[in-house]
Protein backbone atom coordinates (compact mmCIF):
# COMPACT_ATOMS: atom_id res chain seq x y z
CA MET A 1 -1.25 12.97 -1.07
CA ASN A 2 -4.73 11.82 -0.12
CA GLY A 3 -5.37 9.75 2.97
CA ARG A 4 -5.50 6.34 1.29
CA LEU A 5 -2.36 6.91 -0.77
CA ALA A 6 -0.53 8.32 2.23
CA TRP A 7 -1.19 5.06 4.03
CA LEU A 8 0.00 3.10 1.02
CA ALA A 9 3.19 5.05 0.89
CA ALA A 10 3.71 4.29 4.55
CA ALA A 11 2.56 0.72 4.81
CA ALA A 12 3.98 -0.43 1.54
CA THR A 13 5.04 1.86 2.22
CA ILE A 14 1.40 1.05 -0.92
CA ALA A 15 -0.08 2.39 0.02
CA ALA A 16 -3.21 3.10 -1.15
CA LEU A 17 -4.37 -0.80 -1.21
CA SER A 18 -6.10 -1.69 1.57
CA GLY A 19 -7.00 -3.72 4.50
CA CYS A 20 -10.59 -3.79 4.92
CA GLY A 21 -12.69 -5.45 7.43
CA ASP A 22 -14.75 -8.14 5.75
CA LYS A 23 -12.54 -9.46 2.97
CA SER A 24 -9.48 -11.65 3.40
CA ALA A 25 -6.24 -10.95 1.57
CA GLY A 26 -6.59 -14.21 -0.30
CA ASP A 27 -9.87 -13.29 -2.00
CA LYS A 28 -9.77 -13.27 -5.77
CA ALA A 29 -8.53 -9.97 -7.13
CA ALA A 30 -10.97 -7.78 -9.00
CA PRO A 31 -9.97 -6.77 -12.52
CA ALA A 32 -7.89 -3.63 -12.66
CA LYS A 33 -9.54 -0.46 -13.90
CA THR A 34 -10.03 -0.42 -17.66
CA GLY A 35 -7.41 1.63 -19.39
CA THR A 36 -4.73 1.30 -16.69
CA ALA A 37 -1.33 -0.32 -17.10
CA ALA A 38 -2.44 -2.89 -14.55
CA ASP A 39 -5.40 -3.81 -16.72
CA ALA A 40 -3.30 -4.31 -19.83
CA SER A 41 -0.69 -6.31 -17.95
CA ALA A 42 -3.30 -8.52 -16.29
CA THR A 43 -4.88 -9.33 -19.64
CA ALA A 44 -1.52 -10.31 -21.11
CA SER A 45 -0.52 -12.51 -18.21
CA GLY A 46 -3.74 -14.39 -17.54
CA PRO A 47 -6.16 -14.51 -14.62
CA ALA A 48 -5.06 -14.01 -11.04
CA VAL A 49 -5.17 -16.87 -8.54
CA ALA A 50 -5.92 -16.48 -4.83
CA MET A 51 -2.78 -17.18 -2.79
CA THR A 52 -1.22 -16.06 0.48
CA PRO A 53 0.64 -12.79 -0.20
CA PRO A 54 4.37 -12.66 0.56
CA HIS A 55 5.81 -10.87 3.58
CA ARG A 56 8.67 -8.41 3.44
CA LYS A 57 11.96 -9.44 4.98
CA PRO A 58 12.52 -7.98 8.49
CA GLY A 59 14.95 -5.08 8.61
CA LEU A 60 15.25 -1.59 7.13
CA TRP A 61 13.41 -0.82 3.91
CA GLU A 62 14.12 2.27 1.81
CA GLN A 63 11.07 3.28 -0.20
CA ARG A 64 10.89 5.80 -3.01
CA VAL A 65 7.31 6.98 -3.55
CA SER A 66 6.44 8.86 -6.74
CA MET A 67 3.03 10.50 -7.16
CA SER A 68 1.64 13.58 -8.92
CA GLY A 69 5.08 14.62 -10.12
CA MET A 70 6.59 14.42 -6.63
CA ASP A 71 9.18 11.97 -5.28
CA GLN A 72 9.76 11.14 -1.62
CA THR A 73 12.16 8.63 -0.09
CA THR A 74 11.39 7.14 3.32
CA ARG A 75 12.95 4.46 5.53
CA LEU A 76 10.84 1.91 7.42
CA CYS A 77 11.98 -0.54 10.11
CA LEU A 78 10.13 -3.87 10.08
CA ASP A 79 10.00 -7.01 12.15
CA GLU A 80 7.61 -9.94 11.72
CA ALA A 81 5.06 -8.53 14.17
CA VAL A 82 4.93 -5.14 12.43
CA GLU A 83 4.68 -6.80 9.02
CA GLN A 84 1.60 -8.66 10.24
CA LYS A 85 0.01 -5.35 11.24
CA LEU A 86 1.27 -3.14 8.40
CA SER A 87 1.51 -5.35 5.34
CA TRP A 88 3.06 -4.00 2.13
CA TRP A 89 -0.36 -3.70 0.49
CA GLY A 90 -1.68 -1.66 3.45
CA GLN A 91 -4.19 -4.22 4.70
CA GLN A 92 -4.41 -3.17 8.32
CA ALA A 93 -3.47 0.48 7.87
CA THR A 94 -7.02 1.48 7.06
CA LYS A 95 -8.86 -1.38 8.72
CA ASP A 96 -12.63 -0.84 9.01
CA MET A 97 -12.55 1.91 6.38
CA CYS A 98 -12.77 -0.41 3.39
CA ALA A 99 -15.74 -2.41 2.15
CA LYS A 100 -13.63 -4.53 -0.20
CA THR A 101 -10.01 -5.62 -0.38
CA ARG A 102 -8.71 -8.23 -2.78
CA ILE A 103 -5.22 -9.47 -3.62
CA ALA A 104 -4.21 -12.39 -5.85
CA ARG A 105 -1.22 -13.67 -7.77
CA ARG A 106 -1.07 -13.65 -11.56
CA LEU A 107 0.42 -16.37 -13.71
CA ASP A 108 3.51 -14.21 -14.30
CA GLY A 109 4.15 -13.99 -10.55
CA ALA A 110 2.97 -10.40 -10.07
CA TRP A 111 0.36 -9.51 -7.45
CA GLU A 112 -2.89 -7.71 -8.30
CA ILE A 113 -4.40 -5.49 -5.61
CA ALA A 114 -7.84 -3.87 -5.48
CA SER A 115 -9.81 -2.00 -2.81
CA GLU A 116 -12.84 0.20 -2.22
CA CYS A 117 -12.64 2.42 0.86
CA ASP A 118 -14.54 5.20 2.60
CA MET A 119 -12.00 7.65 4.05
CA GLY A 120 -14.62 9.94 5.61
CA SER A 121 -13.77 13.56 4.81
CA GLY A 122 -11.04 12.17 2.56
CA GLY A 123 -13.69 10.81 0.21
CA LYS A 124 -14.39 7.39 -1.24
CA THR A 125 -11.50 5.66 -3.01
CA VAL A 126 -11.23 2.85 -5.53
CA THR A 127 -7.69 1.53 -5.93
CA ASN A 128 -6.20 -0.95 -8.40
CA GLY A 129 -2.54 -1.89 -8.54
CA VAL A 130 0.15 -4.42 -9.41
CA ALA A 131 3.24 -5.36 -7.38
CA THR A 132 6.33 -7.26 -8.52
CA GLY A 133 9.53 -8.41 -6.80
CA ASP A 134 10.74 -11.00 -4.31
CA PHE A 135 9.87 -8.91 -1.17
CA ALA A 136 13.21 -10.01 0.34
CA THR A 137 15.59 -7.77 -1.60
CA GLY A 138 13.02 -5.42 -3.12
CA TYR A 139 9.70 -4.86 -4.83
CA ARG A 140 7.87 -2.34 -7.01
CA MET A 141 4.20 -1.41 -6.72
CA GLU A 142 2.18 0.68 -9.18
CA ALA A 143 -1.31 1.78 -8.16
CA THR A 144 -4.07 4.03 -9.43
CA THR A 145 -6.65 5.45 -7.02
CA VAL A 146 -9.81 7.32 -8.01
CA THR A 147 -11.20 9.53 -5.23
CA THR A 148 -14.66 11.09 -5.12
CA GLY A 149 -16.47 13.17 -2.51
CA ALA A 150 -13.37 14.43 -0.69
CA GLY A 151 -13.73 17.67 1.29
CA ALA A 152 -10.62 19.12 -0.39
CA PRO A 153 -11.27 19.39 -4.16
CA GLN A 154 -7.63 18.66 -5.04
CA MET A 155 -7.95 15.22 -3.46
CA ASN A 156 -10.63 14.17 -5.94
CA GLY A 157 -9.87 12.56 -9.28
CA GLU A 158 -7.35 9.97 -10.42
CA HIS A 159 -4.00 9.65 -8.66
CA LYS A 160 -1.19 7.34 -9.75
CA MET A 161 1.55 6.17 -7.42
CA VAL A 162 4.73 4.12 -7.79
CA VAL A 163 6.57 2.63 -4.80
CA GLN A 164 10.09 1.27 -5.35
CA ALA A 165 11.32 -0.45 -2.18
CA THR A 166 14.78 -1.88 -1.42
CA TRP A 167 15.92 -3.88 1.61
CA LYS A 168 18.95 -2.21 3.24
CA GLY A 169 19.87 -4.64 6.02
CA ALA A 170 19.27 -4.59 9.75
CA CYS A 171 17.49 -1.61 11.31
CA PRO A 172 20.09 0.90 12.57
CA ALA A 173 20.46 2.14 16.13
CA GLY A 174 17.65 4.49 17.08
CA PHE A 175 15.04 2.65 14.99
CA LYS A 176 12.42 0.39 16.51
CA PRO A 177 9.99 -1.80 14.54
CA GLY A 178 7.30 0.36 12.95
CA ASP A 179 9.45 3.50 12.83
CA MET A 180 9.35 5.44 9.58
CA GLU A 181 11.82 8.20 8.75
CA LEU A 182 10.76 10.95 6.35
CA PRO A 183 13.07 13.25 4.35
CA GLY A 184 14.73 15.70 6.70
CA GLY A 185 15.02 13.14 9.49
CA MET A 186 11.49 13.41 10.92
CA LYS A 187 10.48 10.04 12.37
CA PHE A 188 7.22 8.55 13.64
CA ASN A 189 5.91 5.09 14.44
CA MET A 190 3.36 3.58 12.04
CA ILE A 191 1.85 1.32 14.71
CA ASP A 192 1.21 4.30 16.99
CA MET A 193 -0.25 6.31 14.08
CA ALA A 194 -2.59 3.48 13.08
CA GLY A 195 -3.91 3.28 16.65
CA LYS A 196 -4.50 7.01 16.84
CA THR A 197 -6.29 7.03 13.48
CA ARG A 198 -8.70 4.29 14.59
CA SER A 199 -9.33 6.07 17.90
CA ALA A 200 -10.09 9.32 16.09
CA GLY A 201 -12.48 7.52 13.76
């Protein structure tokens, strides 16, 4: 999983769509990449309209991330403060790495997401995606990222990701806001990781 998509999986955990420094989330969404499912769907449902994106309900979210033939299920504990910092479309997760970030609502209620980011040794990424759901009981996000110039050849090319997220109730004992649990029980805090990533950059 390349750097941008890893953040998407965590923050949307959706990743790969971005929070970049000089564009607000309400900017008009760019058209999805020609030939993608997002592009066809956007054409059928009309133009997107700039609106304030929804927030996920506080509590424990279970997220199944599918990409490159692999599936991974994670659990993420959210409160309102964490949601502001780690939005489902990944706005702040890669702050200052992205030249463009756009998100807007379509006439059918779905959300279009687009970003262009420079991940350093991880290459330059262009991401387009569509998210649906009520963000209180669940949501689904499909995204396609094209990466070029990455140091690891396998990171380059087109990568498709699907995030299916379901709200599971209150965060259980042992979880604090921002904590993400990976398969096998390994747990880390997304807020702490975001701070370390910015410091390293």
